[in-house]
């Protein structure tokens, strides 16, 4: 098995059904189960966002191991926002989260042409993780 992480950034309408399923599955695994954060995850902002995904390549299909959602300025907050930041527990400690932050910073500058401030939101109980 190849352990390379392939990074991509897709608009909602570019996500495959499998991509969307893996995103929602990983978000539930981390936020609902691991962090015990009960909130409305599917919030009608996904459709207007960019989805940065780190997928561990394998023999059969890629497994989502890292993810974040970026929203353009004005979509949810005055500035651009970064949310739903996830690194799968089994891949933590190997620099995947750091690479994810580099990826979404690049997207903020290139795809969103955003040089201003951004909002980074996390559940209060999860702030220690970031």
C-alpha atoms as a PDB file:
ATOM      1  CA  UNK A   1       0.000   0.000   0.000  1.00  0.00           C
ATOM      2  CA  UNK A   2       1.243   3.455  -0.916  1.00  0.00           C
ATOM      3  CA  UNK A   3       1.111   5.870   2.042  1.00  0.00           C
ATOM      4  CA  UNK A   4       1.181   9.047  -0.001  1.00  0.00           C
ATOM      5  CA  UNK A   5      -1.415  11.696   0.830  1.00  0.00           C
ATOM      6  CA  UNK A   6      -2.957  13.279  -2.235  1.00  0.00           C
ATOM      7  CA  UNK A   7      -4.274  16.807  -1.668  1.00  0.00           C
ATOM      8  CA  UNK A   8      -7.166  18.328  -3.565  1.00  0.00           C
ATOM      9  CA  UNK A   9      -9.485  21.298  -3.312  1.00  0.00           C
ATOM     10  CA  UNK A  10     -12.942  20.999  -4.811  1.00  0.00           C
ATOM     11  CA  UNK A  11     -16.120  23.045  -4.982  1.00  0.00           C
ATOM     12  CA  UNK A  12     -19.236  21.304  -3.696  1.00  0.00           C
ATOM     13  CA  UNK A  13     -20.503  20.590  -7.204  1.00  0.00           C
ATOM     14  CA  UNK A  14     -17.171  18.909  -8.045  1.00  0.00           C
ATOM     15  CA  UNK A  15     -17.362  16.422  -5.152  1.00  0.00           C
ATOM     16  CA  UNK A  16     -18.280  12.884  -6.076  1.00  0.00           C
ATOM     17  CA  UNK A  17     -20.901  11.033  -4.075  1.00  0.00           C
ATOM     18  CA  UNK A  18     -18.063   9.012  -2.499  1.00  0.00           C
ATOM     19  CA  UNK A  19     -16.144  12.215  -1.617  1.00  0.00           C
ATOM     20  CA  UNK A  20     -19.197  13.697   0.087  1.00  0.00           C
ATOM     21  CA  UNK A  21     -19.886  10.474   1.967  1.00  0.00           C
ATOM     22  CA  UNK A  22     -16.285  10.278   3.223  1.00  0.00           C
ATOM     23  CA  UNK A  23     -16.368  13.951   4.285  1.00  0.00           C
ATOM     24  CA  UNK A  24     -19.592  13.574   6.273  1.00  0.00           C
ATOM     25  CA  UNK A  25     -18.414  10.256   7.733  1.00  0.00           C
ATOM     26  CA  UNK A  26     -15.087  11.721   8.926  1.00  0.00           C
ATOM     27  CA  UNK A  27     -16.747  14.849  10.307  1.00  0.00           C
ATOM     28  CA  UNK A  28     -19.175  12.678  12.322  1.00  0.00           C
ATOM     29  CA  UNK A  29     -16.340  10.390  13.479  1.00  0.00           C
ATOM     30  CA  UNK A  30     -14.280  13.280  14.816  1.00  0.00           C
ATOM     31  CA  UNK A  31     -16.762  15.927  15.915  1.00  0.00           C
ATOM     32  CA  UNK A  32     -19.710  13.848  17.097  1.00  0.00           C
ATOM     33  CA  UNK A  33     -18.087  10.657  18.358  1.00  0.00           C
ATOM     34  CA  UNK A  34     -14.517  11.591  19.368  1.00  0.00           C
ATOM     35  CA  UNK A  35     -15.068  15.182  20.535  1.00  0.00           C
ATOM     36  CA  UNK A  36     -18.665  14.664  21.710  1.00  0.00           C
ATOM     37  CA  UNK A  37     -19.781  17.936  20.083  1.00  0.00           C
ATOM     38  CA  UNK A  38     -23.494  17.881  19.405  1.00  0.00           C
ATOM     39  CA  UNK A  39     -24.237  20.512  16.758  1.00  0.00           C
ATOM     40  CA  UNK A  40     -25.815  20.778  13.316  1.00  0.00           C
ATOM     41  CA  UNK A  41     -22.903  19.755  11.096  1.00  0.00           C
ATOM     42  CA  UNK A  42     -24.800  19.859   7.799  1.00  0.00           C
ATOM     43  CA  UNK A  43     -25.465  23.597   7.872  1.00  0.00           C
ATOM     44  CA  UNK A  44     -26.141  24.713   4.272  1.00  0.00           C
ATOM     45  CA  UNK A  45     -22.676  26.289   3.984  1.00  0.00           C
ATOM     46  CA  UNK A  46     -21.028  23.282   2.334  1.00  0.00           C
ATOM     47  CA  UNK A  47     -22.553  24.150  -1.037  1.00  0.00           C
ATOM     48  CA  UNK A  48     -20.767  27.519  -1.185  1.00  0.00           C
ATOM     49  CA  UNK A  49     -17.463  26.354   0.213  1.00  0.00           C
ATOM     50  CA  UNK A  50     -14.222  24.908  -0.989  1.00  0.00           C
ATOM     51  CA  UNK A  51     -13.338  21.499   0.383  1.00  0.00           C
ATOM     52  CA  UNK A  52      -9.662  20.777   1.018  1.00  0.00           C
ATOM     53  CA  UNK A  53      -9.123  17.032   1.239  1.00  0.00           C
ATOM     54  CA  UNK A  54      -6.115  14.899   2.068  1.00  0.00           C
ATOM     55  CA  UNK A  55      -6.661  11.359   0.858  1.00  0.00           C
ATOM     56  CA  UNK A  56      -4.342   8.496   1.681  1.00  0.00           C
ATOM     57  CA  UNK A  57      -3.808   6.644  -1.564  1.00  0.00           C
ATOM     58  CA  UNK A  58      -4.140   2.902  -1.500  1.00  0.00           C
ATOM     59  CA  UNK A  59      -4.520  -0.127  -3.667  1.00  0.00           C
ATOM     60  CA  UNK A  60      -8.302   0.141  -4.066  1.00  0.00           C
ATOM     61  CA  UNK A  61      -9.529   3.642  -3.295  1.00  0.00           C
ATOM     62  CA  UNK A  62      -8.361   6.719  -1.451  1.00  0.00           C
ATOM     63  CA  UNK A  63      -9.263   7.127   2.217  1.00  0.00           C
ATOM     64  CA  UNK A  64      -9.990  10.626   3.517  1.00  0.00           C
ATOM     65  CA  UNK A  65      -7.629  11.367   6.422  1.00  0.00           C
ATOM     66  CA  UNK A  66      -7.627  15.168   6.570  1.00  0.00           C
ATOM     67  CA  UNK A  67     -10.155  17.822   5.636  1.00  0.00           C
ATOM     68  CA  UNK A  68     -11.179  21.445   6.027  1.00  0.00           C
ATOM     69  CA  UNK A  69     -13.919  23.649   4.630  1.00  0.00           C
ATOM     70  CA  UNK A  70     -13.180  27.158   3.445  1.00  0.00           C
ATOM     71  CA  UNK A  71     -15.866  29.766   2.977  1.00  0.00           C
ATOM     72  CA  UNK A  72     -15.372  32.976   1.027  1.00  0.00           C
ATOM     73  CA  UNK A  73     -15.702  36.395   2.682  1.00  0.00           C
ATOM     74  CA  UNK A  74     -19.314  37.217   3.443  1.00  0.00           C
ATOM     75  CA  UNK A  75     -20.599  33.638   3.247  1.00  0.00           C
ATOM     76  CA  UNK A  76     -20.773  33.165   7.013  1.00  0.00           C
ATOM     77  CA  UNK A  77     -18.560  35.860   8.496  1.00  0.00           C
ATOM     78  CA  UNK A  78     -17.210  39.161   7.237  1.00  0.00           C
ATOM     79  CA  UNK A  79     -13.875  37.591   6.367  1.00  0.00           C
ATOM     80  CA  UNK A  80     -13.094  34.249   4.822  1.00  0.00           C
ATOM     81  CA  UNK A  81     -13.559  31.382   7.245  1.00  0.00           C
ATOM     82  CA  UNK A  82     -11.855  28.083   7.894  1.00  0.00           C
ATOM     83  CA  UNK A  83     -13.819  25.388   9.618  1.00  0.00           C
ATOM     84  CA  UNK A  84     -14.480  21.684   9.952  1.00  0.00           C
ATOM     85  CA  UNK A  85     -10.726  21.146  10.307  1.00  0.00           C
ATOM     86  CA  UNK A  86     -10.038  17.438  10.757  1.00  0.00           C
ATOM     87  CA  UNK A  87      -7.147  15.033  10.896  1.00  0.00           C
ATOM     88  CA  UNK A  88      -8.060  11.376  11.331  1.00  0.00           C
ATOM     89  CA  UNK A  89      -6.822  10.048  14.660  1.00  0.00           C
ATOM     90  CA  UNK A  90      -4.758   7.278  13.033  1.00  0.00           C
ATOM     91  CA  UNK A  91      -2.679   9.832  11.077  1.00  0.00           C
ATOM     92  CA  UNK A  92      -2.052  12.400  13.829  1.00  0.00           C
ATOM     93  CA  UNK A  93       1.487  13.119  14.902  1.00  0.00           C
ATOM     94  CA  UNK A  94       2.962  12.748  11.445  1.00  0.00           C
ATOM     95  CA  UNK A  95       2.605  16.327  10.211  1.00  0.00           C
ATOM     96  CA  UNK A  96      -0.662  15.835   8.305  1.00  0.00           C
ATOM     97  CA  UNK A  97      -2.392  18.659  10.203  1.00  0.00           C
ATOM     98  CA  UNK A  98       0.470  21.031   9.463  1.00  0.00           C
ATOM     99  CA  UNK A  99       0.320  20.139   5.778  1.00  0.00           C
ATOM    100  CA  UNK A 100      -3.445  20.677   5.828  1.00  0.00           C
ATOM    101  CA  UNK A 101      -2.929  24.186   7.226  1.00  0.00           C
ATOM    102  CA  UNK A 102      -0.418  24.939   4.451  1.00  0.00           C
ATOM    103  CA  UNK A 103      -2.914  23.654   1.880  1.00  0.00           C
ATOM    104  CA  UNK A 104      -5.823  25.765   3.118  1.00  0.00           C
ATOM    105  CA  UNK A 105      -3.628  28.852   3.483  1.00  0.00           C
ATOM    106  CA  UNK A 106      -2.625  28.407  -0.156  1.00  0.00           C
ATOM    107  CA  UNK A 107      -6.275  28.069  -1.198  1.00  0.00           C
ATOM    108  CA  UNK A 108      -7.196  31.222   0.735  1.00  0.00           C
ATOM    109  CA  UNK A 109      -4.559  33.167  -1.176  1.00  0.00           C
ATOM    110  CA  UNK A 110      -4.957  31.585  -4.618  1.00  0.00           C
ATOM    111  CA  UNK A 111      -8.539  30.396  -5.108  1.00  0.00           C
ATOM    112  CA  UNK A 112     -10.213  32.997  -2.912  1.00  0.00           C
ATOM    113  CA  UNK A 113      -7.630  35.737  -3.621  1.00  0.00           C
ATOM    114  CA  UNK A 114      -7.963  36.597   0.054  1.00  0.00           C
ATOM    115  CA  UNK A 115      -5.179  38.538   1.716  1.00  0.00           C
ATOM    116  CA  UNK A 116      -7.167  39.867   4.666  1.00  0.00           C
ATOM    117  CA  UNK A 117      -8.119  38.286   7.934  1.00  0.00           C
ATOM    118  CA  UNK A 118     -10.067  35.060   8.316  1.00  0.00           C
ATOM    119  CA  UNK A 119     -12.186  33.465  10.984  1.00  0.00           C
ATOM    120  CA  UNK A 120     -11.108  30.114  12.375  1.00  0.00           C
ATOM    121  CA  UNK A 121     -13.831  28.502  14.417  1.00  0.00           C
ATOM    122  CA  UNK A 122     -13.744  25.477  16.684  1.00  0.00           C
ATOM    123  CA  UNK A 123     -15.915  24.097  19.412  1.00  0.00           C
ATOM    124  CA  UNK A 124     -14.843  25.574  22.760  1.00  0.00           C
ATOM    125  CA  UNK A 125     -14.146  22.101  24.111  1.00  0.00           C
ATOM    126  CA  UNK A 126     -11.930  21.352  21.098  1.00  0.00           C
ATOM    127  CA  UNK A 127      -9.825  24.532  21.141  1.00  0.00           C
ATOM    128  CA  UNK A 128      -7.039  22.702  22.958  1.00  0.00           C
ATOM    129  CA  UNK A 129      -6.686  20.398  19.935  1.00  0.00           C
ATOM    130  CA  UNK A 130      -5.778  23.265  17.638  1.00  0.00           C
END
